[in-house]
Amino acid sequence: MARNPRSEEISTDRATESLKTITQVVYGLQAASFLIGVSFLVALIINYVKRDEARGTWLESHFRWQIRTFWFALLWFVVGFMTAVIGIGYLILFANTIWIIYRIVRGWLRLLDGRGMELRSV
């Protein structure tokens, strides 16, 4: 039986749209973490569960961006929390908050434009 390339294209479009919706939900959960902290962790779990489905698509870079946002935010939160006793920690926590907002806004806007994230190797 011959495969219909058009039906495969429609299936791929639906899969991409589904992943795009999931990516928006994750950005929303990351933003909601300022009110409900555990939503950041829920967003991370969704990223890891759906990451294989995004592999090879333009959305893969968003998944990596979101995952890295979580882990670096956690790192700087721990550093800020531990150094709060000497005062510098409050500056670190403030900078971390601004950085998280920047990552969410930049990523979400690029997603809405249908563009992937430009990832630099670290």
N, C-alpha and C. Protein backbone atom coordinates (compact mmCIF):
# COMPACT_ATOMS: atom_id res chain seq x y z
N MET A 1 0.84 -1.18 0.00
CA MET A 1 0.00 0.00 0.00
C MET A 1 0.89 1.25 0.00
N ALA A 2 0.61 2.16 -0.90
CA ALA A 2 1.41 3.37 -1.03
C ALA A 2 1.07 4.35 0.08
N ARG A 3 2.12 5.03 0.56
CA ARG A 3 1.90 6.04 1.60
C ARG A 3 1.54 7.35 0.96
N ASN A 4 0.70 8.07 1.62
CA ASN A 4 0.26 9.37 1.14
C ASN A 4 1.14 10.45 1.76
N PRO A 5 2.01 11.08 0.96
CA PRO A 5 2.89 12.11 1.53
C PRO A 5 2.11 13.27 2.14
N ARG A 6 0.95 13.58 1.62
CA ARG A 6 0.14 14.68 2.15
C ARG A 6 -0.33 14.37 3.57
N SER A 7 -0.74 13.13 3.83
CA SER A 7 -1.20 12.78 5.18
C SER A 7 -0.05 12.79 6.18
N GLU A 8 1.16 12.43 5.71
CA GLU A 8 2.33 12.51 6.59
C GLU A 8 2.64 13.96 6.93
N GLU A 9 2.46 14.86 5.93
CA GLU A 9 2.69 16.28 6.16
C GLU A 9 1.70 16.84 7.17
N ILE A 10 0.44 16.45 7.04
CA ILE A 10 -0.59 16.91 7.98
C ILE A 10 -0.29 16.39 9.37
N SER A 11 0.14 15.13 9.46
CA SER A 11 0.48 14.54 10.75
C SER A 11 1.66 15.29 11.38
N THR A 12 2.66 15.62 10.57
CA THR A 12 3.82 16.36 11.07
C THR A 12 3.41 17.76 11.53
N ASP A 13 2.52 18.41 10.77
CA ASP A 13 2.04 19.74 11.17
C ASP A 13 1.31 19.68 12.51
N ARG A 14 0.50 18.65 12.70
CA ARG A 14 -0.22 18.50 13.98
C ARG A 14 0.75 18.26 15.12
N ALA A 15 1.76 17.44 14.88
CA ALA A 15 2.75 17.15 15.91
C ALA A 15 3.51 18.42 16.28
N THR A 16 3.88 19.21 15.26
CA THR A 16 4.60 20.45 15.52
C THR A 16 3.71 21.43 16.28
N GLU A 17 2.46 21.55 15.90
CA GLU A 17 1.54 22.45 16.60
C GLU A 17 1.35 22.01 18.05
N SER A 18 1.28 20.70 18.26
CA SER A 18 1.15 20.18 19.63
C SER A 18 2.38 20.53 20.46
N LEU A 19 3.56 20.35 19.87
CA LEU A 19 4.80 20.70 20.56
C LEU A 19 4.88 22.20 20.82
N LYS A 20 4.40 22.99 19.88
CA LYS A 20 4.42 24.45 20.05
C LYS A 20 3.51 24.83 21.23
N THR A 21 2.36 24.17 21.33
CA THR A 21 1.46 24.44 22.46
C THR A 21 2.11 24.05 23.77
N ILE A 22 2.77 22.90 23.79
CA ILE A 22 3.46 22.45 25.01
C ILE A 22 4.55 23.44 25.39
N THR A 23 5.27 23.95 24.39
CA THR A 23 6.33 24.92 24.66
C THR A 23 5.75 26.19 25.26
N GLN A 24 4.60 26.63 24.76
CA GLN A 24 3.94 27.81 25.34
C GLN A 24 3.50 27.54 26.78
N VAL A 25 2.98 26.36 27.02
CA VAL A 25 2.56 25.99 28.38
C VAL A 25 3.76 26.04 29.32
N VAL A 26 4.91 25.53 28.85
CA VAL A 26 6.11 25.53 29.70
C VAL A 26 6.54 26.97 30.00
N TYR A 27 6.54 27.84 28.99
CA TYR A 27 6.87 29.25 29.27
C TYR A 27 5.88 29.84 30.27
N GLY A 28 4.61 29.49 30.14
CA GLY A 28 3.60 29.97 31.08
C GLY A 28 3.85 29.47 32.49
N LEU A 29 4.21 28.21 32.61
CA LEU A 29 4.51 27.64 33.93
C LEU A 29 5.75 28.30 34.53
N GLN A 30 6.74 28.57 33.69
CA GLN A 30 7.93 29.25 34.19
C GLN A 30 7.55 30.64 34.70
N ALA A 31 6.71 31.34 33.98
CA ALA A 31 6.28 32.68 34.42
C ALA A 31 5.45 32.58 35.70
N ALA A 32 4.60 31.57 35.78
CA ALA A 32 3.75 31.38 36.96
C ALA A 32 4.57 31.05 38.20
N SER A 33 5.81 30.62 38.00
CA SER A 33 6.63 30.23 39.15
C SER A 33 6.92 31.41 40.08
N PHE A 34 6.72 32.64 39.60
CA PHE A 34 6.89 33.79 40.48
C PHE A 34 5.77 33.86 41.51
N LEU A 35 4.64 33.22 41.21
CA LEU A 35 3.53 33.15 42.15
C LEU A 35 3.44 31.78 42.82
N ILE A 36 3.69 30.74 42.03
CA ILE A 36 3.61 29.36 42.52
C ILE A 36 4.92 28.68 42.15
N GLY A 37 5.86 28.69 43.06
CA GLY A 37 7.22 28.22 42.78
C GLY A 37 7.32 26.84 42.19
N VAL A 38 6.44 25.92 42.58
CA VAL A 38 6.54 24.54 42.12
C VAL A 38 6.26 24.41 40.62
N SER A 39 5.63 25.42 40.02
CA SER A 39 5.33 25.33 38.59
C SER A 39 6.61 25.32 37.74
N PHE A 40 7.69 25.87 38.26
CA PHE A 40 8.97 25.83 37.55
C PHE A 40 9.44 24.38 37.43
N LEU A 41 9.28 23.62 38.49
CA LEU A 41 9.65 22.20 38.50
C LEU A 41 8.74 21.40 37.57
N VAL A 42 7.45 21.69 37.57
CA VAL A 42 6.50 21.03 36.67
C VAL A 42 6.91 21.30 35.22
N ALA A 43 7.30 22.54 34.92
CA ALA A 43 7.74 22.90 33.58
C ALA A 43 8.96 22.08 33.17
N LEU A 44 9.90 21.91 34.08
CA LEU A 44 11.11 21.13 33.81
C LEU A 44 10.75 19.67 33.50
N ILE A 45 9.85 19.10 34.28
CA ILE A 45 9.44 17.71 34.05
C ILE A 45 8.80 17.57 32.67
N ILE A 46 7.94 18.50 32.31
CA ILE A 46 7.32 18.46 30.98
C ILE A 46 8.40 18.54 29.90
N ASN A 47 9.38 19.42 30.08
CA ASN A 47 10.48 19.53 29.11
C ASN A 47 11.19 18.20 28.91
N TYR A 48 11.53 17.54 30.01
CA TYR A 48 12.26 16.28 29.90
C TYR A 48 11.40 15.17 29.30
N VAL A 49 10.11 15.15 29.63
CA VAL A 49 9.22 14.11 29.10
C VAL A 49 9.02 14.28 27.59
N LYS A 50 8.88 15.50 27.12
CA LYS A 50 8.57 15.78 25.71
C LYS A 50 9.79 16.08 24.85
N ARG A 51 10.96 16.13 25.44
CA ARG A 51 12.17 16.53 24.70
C ARG A 51 12.46 15.64 23.50
N ASP A 52 12.28 14.35 23.62
CA ASP A 52 12.56 13.45 22.49
C ASP A 52 11.64 13.73 21.31
N GLU A 53 10.39 14.11 21.58
CA GLU A 53 9.46 14.43 20.49
C GLU A 53 9.89 15.69 19.75
N ALA A 54 10.55 16.59 20.44
CA ALA A 54 10.98 17.85 19.83
C ALA A 54 12.30 17.71 19.08
N ARG A 55 13.02 16.62 19.32
CA ARG A 55 14.34 16.44 18.70
C ARG A 55 14.22 16.52 17.18
N GLY A 56 15.09 17.32 16.57
CA GLY A 56 15.12 17.47 15.13
C GLY A 56 14.17 18.53 14.59
N THR A 57 13.39 19.15 15.46
CA THR A 57 12.49 20.22 15.02
C THR A 57 13.05 21.56 15.46
N TRP A 58 12.49 22.63 14.94
CA TRP A 58 12.94 23.97 15.35
C TRP A 58 12.59 24.24 16.81
N LEU A 59 11.69 23.45 17.37
CA LEU A 59 11.30 23.64 18.77
C LEU A 59 12.30 23.04 19.76
N GLU A 60 13.19 22.19 19.27
CA GLU A 60 14.19 21.57 20.14
C GLU A 60 15.02 22.62 20.87
N SER A 61 15.35 23.70 20.17
CA SER A 61 16.16 24.75 20.79
C SER A 61 15.40 25.43 21.93
N HIS A 62 14.07 25.53 21.81
CA HIS A 62 13.28 26.11 22.91
C HIS A 62 13.30 25.19 24.13
N PHE A 63 13.21 23.90 23.90
CA PHE A 63 13.25 22.96 25.01
C PHE A 63 14.58 23.06 25.74
N ARG A 64 15.66 23.14 24.98
CA ARG A 64 16.99 23.26 25.60
C ARG A 64 17.08 24.60 26.36
N TRP A 65 16.58 25.67 25.75
CA TRP A 65 16.57 27.00 26.38
C TRP A 65 15.84 26.96 27.72
N GLN A 66 14.67 26.32 27.73
CA GLN A 66 13.86 26.25 28.95
C GLN A 66 14.54 25.40 30.02
N ILE A 67 15.12 24.28 29.62
CA ILE A 67 15.81 23.42 30.58
C ILE A 67 16.99 24.15 31.19
N ARG A 68 17.77 24.80 30.35
CA ARG A 68 18.94 25.53 30.84
C ARG A 68 18.52 26.70 31.75
N THR A 69 17.40 27.33 31.42
CA THR A 69 16.89 28.41 32.27
C THR A 69 16.66 27.89 33.67
N PHE A 70 16.02 26.72 33.79
CA PHE A 70 15.75 26.16 35.11
C PHE A 70 17.04 25.89 35.87
N TRP A 71 17.98 25.15 35.24
CA TRP A 71 19.17 24.71 35.98
C TRP A 71 20.08 25.88 36.36
N PHE A 72 20.25 26.85 35.47
CA PHE A 72 21.08 28.01 35.83
C PHE A 72 20.38 28.89 36.87
N ALA A 73 19.05 29.00 36.77
CA ALA A 73 18.31 29.77 37.78
C ALA A 73 18.45 29.10 39.15
N LEU A 74 18.38 27.78 39.17
CA LEU A 74 18.55 27.06 40.44
C LEU A 74 19.95 27.26 41.00
N LEU A 75 20.94 27.16 40.14
CA LEU A 75 22.33 27.37 40.58
C LEU A 75 22.49 28.75 41.21
N TRP A 76 22.03 29.80 40.52
CA TRP A 76 22.20 31.15 41.04
C TRP A 76 21.31 31.43 42.24
N PHE A 77 20.18 30.73 42.34
CA PHE A 77 19.35 30.86 43.53
C PHE A 77 20.10 30.30 44.75
N VAL A 78 20.72 29.13 44.58
CA VAL A 78 21.47 28.52 45.69
C VAL A 78 22.64 29.42 46.08
N VAL A 79 23.38 29.92 45.10
CA VAL A 79 24.51 30.81 45.40
C VAL A 79 24.00 32.08 46.10
N GLY A 80 22.93 32.65 45.61
CA GLY A 80 22.37 33.86 46.22
C GLY A 80 21.87 33.61 47.62
N PHE A 81 21.19 32.50 47.81
CA PHE A 81 20.66 32.16 49.13
C PHE A 81 21.79 31.97 50.13
N MET A 82 22.85 31.27 49.70
CA MET A 82 23.95 30.98 50.62
C MET A 82 24.80 32.22 50.94
N THR A 83 24.80 33.18 50.04
CA THR A 83 25.59 34.39 50.29
C THR A 83 24.73 35.56 50.79
N ALA A 84 23.46 35.30 51.03
CA ALA A 84 22.58 36.36 51.53
C ALA A 84 23.03 36.87 52.90
N VAL A 85 23.67 36.02 53.65
CA VAL A 85 24.13 36.41 54.98
C VAL A 85 25.14 37.55 54.92
N ILE A 86 25.91 37.60 53.85
CA ILE A 86 26.90 38.67 53.73
C ILE A 86 26.40 39.81 52.84
N GLY A 87 25.15 39.76 52.46
CA GLY A 87 24.56 40.86 51.71
C GLY A 87 24.60 40.72 50.20
N ILE A 88 25.69 40.21 49.66
CA ILE A 88 25.82 40.10 48.20
C ILE A 88 24.76 39.16 47.61
N GLY A 89 24.31 38.25 48.43
CA GLY A 89 23.31 37.28 47.97
C GLY A 89 22.03 37.93 47.48
N TYR A 90 21.65 39.04 48.10
CA TYR A 90 20.43 39.73 47.67
C TYR A 90 20.58 40.30 46.27
N LEU A 91 21.77 40.78 45.96
CA LEU A 91 22.03 41.27 44.60
C LEU A 91 22.00 40.12 43.60
N ILE A 92 22.56 39.00 44.00
CA ILE A 92 22.56 37.81 43.12
C ILE A 92 21.13 37.34 42.89
N LEU A 93 20.32 37.29 43.94
CA LEU A 93 18.93 36.86 43.80
C LEU A 93 18.14 37.82 42.91
N PHE A 94 18.40 39.12 43.07
CA PHE A 94 17.71 40.11 42.24
C PHE A 94 18.12 39.95 40.77
N ALA A 95 19.42 39.82 40.52
CA ALA A 95 19.92 39.64 39.16
C ALA A 95 19.36 38.35 38.55
N ASN A 96 19.28 37.30 39.35
CA ASN A 96 18.73 36.03 38.88
C ASN A 96 17.27 36.19 38.46
N THR A 97 16.51 36.93 39.24
CA THR A 97 15.10 37.16 38.92
C THR A 97 14.96 37.90 37.59
N ILE A 98 15.75 38.93 37.39
CA ILE A 98 15.72 39.70 36.14
C ILE A 98 16.12 38.79 34.97
N TRP A 99 17.15 37.96 35.18
CA TRP A 99 17.62 37.05 34.14
C TRP A 99 16.54 36.04 33.76
N ILE A 100 15.83 35.50 34.74
CA ILE A 100 14.75 34.54 34.47
C ILE A 100 13.65 35.22 33.65
N ILE A 101 13.26 36.41 34.04
CA ILE A 101 12.23 37.15 33.29
C ILE A 101 12.69 37.36 31.85
N TYR A 102 13.93 37.76 31.67
CA TYR A 102 14.48 37.97 30.34
C TYR A 102 14.39 36.68 29.51
N ARG A 103 14.79 35.55 30.09
CA ARG A 103 14.79 34.27 29.37
C ARG A 103 13.37 33.87 28.97
N ILE A 104 12.42 34.05 29.87
CA ILE A 104 11.04 33.69 29.56
C ILE A 104 10.49 34.58 28.45
N VAL A 105 10.67 35.88 28.58
CA VAL A 105 10.14 36.82 27.59
C VAL A 105 10.80 36.62 26.23
N ARG A 106 12.11 36.53 26.20
CA ARG A 106 12.82 36.36 24.93
C ARG A 106 12.41 35.06 24.25
N GLY A 107 12.37 33.98 25.00
CA GLY A 107 12.00 32.69 24.43
C GLY A 107 10.57 32.68 23.92
N TRP A 108 9.66 33.19 24.72
CA TRP A 108 8.25 33.19 24.35
C TRP A 108 8.01 34.04 23.10
N LEU A 109 8.64 35.19 23.02
CA LEU A 109 8.48 36.05 21.85
C LEU A 109 9.02 35.38 20.58
N ARG A 110 10.16 34.72 20.69
CA ARG A 110 10.71 34.01 19.52
C ARG A 110 9.81 32.84 19.13
N LEU A 111 9.22 32.19 20.12
CA LEU A 111 8.29 31.10 19.83
C LEU A 111 7.09 31.63 19.06
N LEU A 112 6.54 32.73 19.52
CA LEU A 112 5.37 33.32 18.84
C LEU A 112 5.71 33.78 17.42
N ASP A 113 6.98 34.13 17.18
CA ASP A 113 7.43 34.51 15.84
C ASP A 113 7.75 33.28 14.98
N GLY A 114 7.66 32.10 15.57
CA GLY A 114 7.98 30.88 14.83
C GLY A 114 9.46 30.67 14.60
N ARG A 115 10.27 31.21 15.51
CA ARG A 115 11.72 31.11 15.40
C ARG A 115 12.31 30.31 16.54
N GLY A 116 13.35 29.58 16.23
CA GLY A 116 14.06 28.84 17.26
C GLY A 116 14.97 29.77 18.05
N MET A 117 15.60 29.21 19.06
CA MET A 117 16.52 29.98 19.88
C MET A 117 17.93 29.81 19.33
N GLU A 118 18.69 30.89 19.32
CA GLU A 118 20.09 30.79 18.94
C GLU A 118 20.86 30.41 20.17
N LEU A 119 21.38 29.20 20.16
CA LEU A 119 22.08 28.70 21.34
C LEU A 119 23.58 28.79 21.11
N ARG A 120 24.24 29.35 22.08
CA ARG A 120 25.70 29.42 22.03
C ARG A 120 26.24 28.30 22.89
N SER A 121 27.34 27.72 22.46
CA SER A 121 27.93 26.69 23.30
C SER A 121 28.63 27.36 24.48
N VAL A 122 28.51 26.74 25.62
CA VAL A 122 29.07 27.32 26.84
C VAL A 122 30.31 26.56 27.23
